[in-house]
Amino acid sequence: MRAIWSGSIGFGLVNIPVKLYSATQDSHLDLDMLDSKNMAHIKYLRVNENTGKEVPWEQIVKGYLYKDEYVVLEEEDFEAASPKKNKMIEIESFVEETEIDDIYFESPYFLEPAKGGEKAYALLLQTLEKTGKAGLSRFVLRSQEHLSVIRPRENYLLLQQLRFEEEIRSPKELTLPTHVKLEKKELDMAMALVKQYSAKFDISQYKDEYKAELLKIVKAKASGKKTVVKKMRVVHTQSDNLFDQLKASLAKPDKKRAS
């Protein structure tokens, strides 16, 4: 792995030099856009919408539309927005990990101690483990400030990027059922169905089947075979009664586990 950021964790008056690594990777097939006539690569051009001419990188600036006019931002403007946080993950408070709603969780990152930071790293790790707390912090990555939480995981520290509250949409615009009356037998049957399909969570049992199937098609087409499109088969009970549908579901054999 290659570190994407290096700096320090600010823990009171203690500075812990660390390196940051992305904890996730893209599992999608890397597809290129091609011209169907000659298989040439398609390039994206940065084009001026008024002149239709391509614009070189050095001529491109970033602007924010404010009161119908663009305000251009320079590199120093981005630096001025967070002048003290460019190389510091400052823990602002310690919170109960269970109090953080998982709707706020975003990208996870591994934290590794840099040279000289091993003891302080171990101290923070064990302290968080014993207290059940997580360190709420901010840091700057790629010129943008992020809210994050540092928490213990197995034998290392994980930095979990958080969404700000303003990034979460309100569910008030959803059209939700309000006066639905459920019969006790329907609820009991639904709970029995949940019990029948219950299993221990094991993420290793689930693979990206779409990617695997797509790769099979790529290999088949490369060898001259024709793609066979699978027909989707949806089975419904003849009755539109909710209780009858639940009863029929329970009568089915256990759902095949993902492999």
Protein backbone atom coordinates (compact mmCIF):
# COMPACT_ATOMS: atom_id res chain seq x y z
CA MET A 1 0.00 0.00 0.00
CA ARG A 2 1.06 3.58 -0.58
CA ALA A 3 0.34 6.30 1.99
CA ILE A 4 -1.98 9.02 0.68
CA TRP A 5 -1.33 11.45 3.54
CA SER A 6 1.20 11.92 6.32
CA GLY A 7 1.07 14.18 9.34
CA SER A 8 0.22 13.93 13.03
CA ILE A 9 -2.65 13.18 15.36
CA GLY A 10 -3.05 15.88 17.99
CA PHE A 11 -3.94 14.15 21.27
CA GLY A 12 -3.90 16.84 23.98
CA LEU A 13 -0.28 18.01 24.01
CA VAL A 14 0.85 14.73 22.44
CA ASN A 15 1.64 14.63 18.72
CA ILE A 16 1.55 11.21 17.08
CA PRO A 17 3.24 11.11 13.64
CA VAL A 18 1.13 8.90 11.38
CA LYS A 19 0.60 7.81 7.80
CA LEU A 20 -2.85 7.47 6.24
CA TYR A 21 -3.81 4.65 3.87
CA SER A 22 -7.08 4.08 2.05
CA ALA A 23 -8.84 1.07 3.61
CA THR A 24 -10.92 0.37 0.50
CA GLN A 25 -10.27 -0.40 -3.16
CA ASP A 26 -12.39 -0.34 -6.29
CA SER A 27 -13.52 -3.81 -7.35
CA HIS A 28 -15.17 -2.78 -10.63
CA LEU A 29 -13.79 -3.87 -13.98
CA ASP A 30 -11.66 -1.16 -15.57
CA LEU A 31 -13.55 -0.43 -18.80
CA ASP A 32 -12.28 1.94 -21.49
CA MET A 33 -14.49 4.02 -23.77
CA LEU A 34 -13.77 3.19 -27.43
CA ASP A 35 -14.90 4.25 -30.88
CA SER A 36 -16.88 1.26 -32.22
CA LYS A 37 -15.56 1.91 -35.75
CA ASN A 38 -11.83 1.41 -35.06
CA MET A 39 -11.51 0.67 -31.31
CA ALA A 40 -9.62 3.94 -30.71
CA HIS A 41 -9.70 5.39 -27.18
CA ILE A 42 -12.15 8.20 -26.50
CA LYS A 43 -10.57 11.26 -24.89
CA TYR A 44 -12.29 13.86 -22.76
CA LEU A 45 -11.65 17.44 -23.82
CA ARG A 46 -12.01 20.55 -21.65
CA VAL A 47 -14.02 22.76 -23.98
CA ASN A 48 -15.11 26.39 -23.63
CA GLU A 49 -18.89 26.24 -23.99
CA ASN A 50 -18.96 29.64 -25.73
CA THR A 51 -16.19 29.17 -28.29
CA GLY A 52 -16.19 25.37 -28.58
CA LYS A 53 -12.38 25.43 -28.35
CA GLU A 54 -10.28 23.22 -26.04
CA VAL A 55 -8.91 24.97 -22.93
CA PRO A 56 -5.42 24.07 -21.59
CA TRP A 57 -5.06 23.14 -17.89
CA GLU A 58 -3.02 26.24 -17.05
CA GLN A 59 -5.89 28.45 -18.22
CA ILE A 60 -8.54 26.76 -16.05
CA VAL A 61 -9.56 28.33 -12.72
CA LYS A 62 -12.10 27.38 -10.07
CA GLY A 63 -15.03 29.66 -9.38
CA TYR A 64 -18.11 29.78 -7.15
CA LEU A 65 -21.37 31.21 -8.48
CA TYR A 66 -22.35 33.90 -5.98
CA LYS A 67 -25.26 36.28 -6.67
CA ASP A 68 -25.21 35.41 -10.39
CA GLU A 69 -21.50 36.16 -10.73
CA TYR A 70 -18.48 33.85 -10.48
CA VAL A 71 -15.92 34.52 -7.75
CA VAL A 72 -12.59 32.94 -8.75
CA LEU A 73 -10.67 31.15 -5.96
CA GLU A 74 -6.89 30.92 -5.97
CA GLU A 75 -4.76 28.23 -4.29
CA GLU A 76 -3.98 30.54 -1.36
CA ASP A 77 -7.73 30.96 -0.76
CA PHE A 78 -8.08 27.23 -0.13
CA GLU A 79 -5.05 27.29 2.18
CA ALA A 80 -6.42 30.30 4.07
CA ALA A 81 -9.67 28.46 4.77
CA SER A 82 -7.85 25.97 7.02
CA PRO A 83 -4.34 27.34 7.68
CA LYS A 84 -3.60 25.33 10.84
CA LYS A 85 -4.93 21.93 9.86
CA ASN A 86 -3.06 20.92 6.74
CA LYS A 87 -0.86 18.34 8.48
CA MET A 88 -2.71 17.77 11.73
CA ILE A 89 -5.60 15.51 12.71
CA GLU A 90 -6.66 17.39 15.82
CA ILE A 91 -8.86 15.38 18.20
CA GLU A 92 -11.38 17.93 19.43
CA SER A 93 -13.36 15.67 21.76
CA PHE A 94 -13.93 12.07 22.75
CA VAL A 95 -17.38 10.63 22.19
CA GLU A 96 -19.14 7.31 22.78
CA GLU A 97 -18.69 5.28 19.63
CA THR A 98 -22.24 3.93 19.94
CA GLU A 99 -23.67 7.47 19.83
CA ILE A 100 -22.57 8.04 16.22
CA ASP A 101 -25.38 7.26 13.78
CA ASP A 102 -23.97 5.13 10.96
CA ILE A 103 -25.66 7.37 8.37
CA TYR A 104 -22.72 9.74 8.95
CA PHE A 105 -20.02 7.13 8.20
CA GLU A 106 -18.18 7.57 4.91
CA SER A 107 -14.68 6.53 3.73
CA PRO A 108 -12.46 4.46 6.09
CA TYR A 109 -8.68 4.89 6.32
CA PHE A 110 -5.94 2.91 8.07
CA LEU A 111 -3.69 4.86 10.43
CA GLU A 112 -0.11 3.66 10.82
CA PRO A 113 2.44 5.14 13.22
CA ALA A 114 5.35 6.88 11.54
CA LYS A 115 8.88 6.56 12.90
CA GLY A 116 9.03 7.76 16.49
CA GLY A 117 5.28 7.59 17.03
CA GLU A 118 4.91 3.92 17.96
CA LYS A 119 4.52 4.34 21.75
CA ALA A 120 2.09 7.27 21.56
CA TYR A 121 0.10 5.38 18.89
CA ALA A 122 -0.16 2.31 21.15
CA LEU A 123 -1.19 4.57 24.05
CA LEU A 124 -4.06 6.12 22.10
CA LEU A 125 -5.15 2.74 20.74
CA GLN A 126 -5.31 1.08 24.16
CA THR A 127 -6.93 4.12 25.78
CA LEU A 128 -9.75 4.13 23.23
CA GLU A 129 -10.19 0.37 23.61
CA LYS A 130 -10.49 0.59 27.40
CA THR A 131 -12.79 3.63 27.46
CA GLY A 132 -15.02 2.69 24.53
CA LYS A 133 -14.52 6.21 23.20
CA ALA A 134 -13.69 7.52 19.73
CA GLY A 135 -11.76 10.68 18.89
CA LEU A 136 -13.81 13.23 16.97
CA SER A 137 -11.49 15.23 14.75
CA ARG A 138 -10.99 17.26 11.58
CA PHE A 139 -8.31 16.96 8.92
CA VAL A 140 -7.54 18.34 5.47
CA LEU A 141 -7.17 15.94 2.55
CA ARG A 142 -6.76 17.15 -1.03
CA SER A 143 -7.45 20.78 -0.06
CA GLN A 144 -10.76 19.93 1.59
CA GLU A 145 -11.55 19.71 5.29
CA HIS A 146 -13.21 16.54 6.54
CA LEU A 147 -14.87 15.59 9.78
CA SER A 148 -13.64 12.25 11.05
CA VAL A 149 -13.58 9.88 13.98
CA ILE A 150 -10.57 7.86 15.13
CA ARG A 151 -11.52 4.51 16.62
CA PRO A 152 -9.79 1.27 17.58
CA ARG A 153 -10.20 -1.76 15.33
CA GLU A 154 -8.48 -5.07 16.06
CA ASN A 155 -4.84 -4.00 16.72
CA TYR A 156 -4.79 -0.68 14.84
CA LEU A 157 -6.45 2.73 14.63
CA LEU A 158 -9.04 3.39 11.96
CA LEU A 159 -9.91 6.88 10.80
CA GLN A 160 -13.49 7.00 9.56
CA GLN A 161 -14.44 10.02 7.52
CA LEU A 162 -17.83 11.42 8.56
CA ARG A 163 -20.41 13.37 6.63
CA PHE A 164 -21.34 16.77 8.03
CA GLU A 165 -24.94 17.10 9.18
CA GLU A 166 -25.66 19.50 6.29
CA GLU A 167 -24.81 16.69 3.84
CA ILE A 168 -27.66 14.49 5.09
CA ARG A 169 -30.98 15.11 3.36
CA SER A 170 -34.17 15.36 5.35
CA PRO A 171 -36.62 12.46 4.97
CA LYS A 172 -39.57 14.85 5.34
CA GLU A 173 -40.24 14.82 1.59
CA LEU A 174 -40.78 11.06 1.55
CA THR A 175 -44.29 9.74 1.12
CA LEU A 176 -44.57 7.19 3.90
CA PRO A 177 -47.43 5.00 5.15
CA THR A 178 -49.06 6.56 8.20
CA HIS A 179 -52.35 4.82 8.95
CA VAL A 180 -51.56 1.23 8.05
CA LYS A 181 -53.20 -1.37 10.29
CA LEU A 182 -51.35 -4.68 10.59
CA GLU A 183 -53.00 -7.81 11.91
CA LYS A 184 -51.19 -9.70 14.66
CA LYS A 185 -51.05 -12.89 12.57
CA GLU A 186 -49.32 -10.97 9.75
CA LEU A 187 -46.68 -9.58 12.10
CA ASP A 188 -46.15 -12.99 13.75
CA MET A 189 -45.75 -14.63 10.35
CA ALA A 190 -43.29 -11.94 9.20
CA MET A 191 -41.23 -12.43 12.38
CA ALA A 192 -41.20 -16.19 11.79
CA LEU A 193 -39.95 -15.56 8.24
CA VAL A 194 -37.14 -13.34 9.58
CA LYS A 195 -36.20 -16.06 12.06
CA GLN A 196 -36.11 -18.70 9.29
CA TYR A 197 -33.78 -16.56 7.17
CA SER A 198 -31.59 -15.38 10.05
CA ALA A 199 -27.85 -16.10 9.91
CA LYS A 200 -24.62 -14.80 11.41
CA PHE A 201 -23.22 -11.89 9.44
CA ASP A 202 -20.19 -13.02 7.45
CA ILE A 203 -19.16 -10.55 4.75
CA SER A 204 -16.62 -13.02 3.32
CA GLN A 205 -19.52 -15.15 2.05
CA TYR A 206 -20.63 -12.37 -0.30
CA LYS A 207 -18.79 -11.70 -3.55
CA ASP A 208 -19.31 -9.23 -6.39
CA GLU A 209 -21.28 -11.66 -8.60
CA TYR A 210 -21.98 -9.01 -11.24
CA LYS A 211 -18.25 -8.39 -11.74
CA ALA A 212 -17.55 -12.15 -11.94
CA GLU A 213 -20.31 -12.70 -14.49
CA LEU A 214 -19.19 -9.70 -16.54
CA LEU A 215 -15.63 -11.05 -16.59
CA LYS A 216 -16.96 -14.43 -17.78
CA ILE A 217 -18.74 -12.66 -20.63
CA VAL A 218 -15.53 -10.77 -21.53
CA LYS A 219 -13.58 -14.05 -21.71
CA ALA A 220 -16.35 -15.78 -23.67
CA LYS A 221 -16.59 -12.96 -26.22
CA ALA A 222 -12.79 -12.92 -26.55
CA SER A 223 -12.95 -16.58 -27.57
CA GLY A 224 -15.74 -15.91 -30.10
CA LYS A 225 -18.71 -17.16 -28.07
CA LYS A 226 -22.06 -15.41 -28.12
CA THR A 227 -23.49 -13.79 -24.98
CA VAL A 228 -26.51 -15.59 -23.55
CA VAL A 229 -28.87 -13.21 -21.77
CA LYS A 230 -30.47 -14.80 -18.72
CA LYS A 231 -34.18 -14.25 -18.37
CA MET A 232 -35.32 -12.92 -15.04
CA ARG A 233 -37.90 -15.17 -13.42
CA VAL A 234 -40.12 -13.57 -10.79
CA VAL A 235 -42.42 -15.86 -8.87
CA HIS A 236 -45.45 -14.48 -7.06
CA THR A 237 -48.17 -16.20 -5.09
CA GLN A 238 -51.54 -16.20 -6.82
CA SER A 239 -53.06 -14.41 -3.85
CA ASP A 240 -52.53 -10.70 -3.20
CA ASN A 241 -53.24 -11.30 0.48
CA LEU A 242 -50.19 -10.35 2.58
CA PHE A 243 -50.71 -13.18 5.06
CA ASP A 244 -50.96 -15.78 2.28
CA GLN A 245 -47.71 -14.46 0.72
CA LEU A 246 -45.91 -14.74 4.05
CA LYS A 247 -47.27 -18.24 4.61
CA ALA A 248 -46.11 -19.34 1.16
CA SER A 249 -42.68 -17.84 1.83
CA LEU A 250 -42.31 -19.87 5.01
CA ALA A 251 -43.26 -23.03 3.13
CA LYS A 252 -40.34 -22.55 0.73
CA PRO A 253 -37.00 -24.24 1.50
CA ASP A 254 -34.29 -22.09 3.11
CA LYS A 255 -32.91 -19.44 0.80
CA LYS A 256 -29.58 -20.45 -0.78
CA ARG A 257 -26.76 -18.67 0.99
CA ALA A 258 -24.45 -16.44 -1.04
CA SER A 259 -21.10 -17.99 -1.88
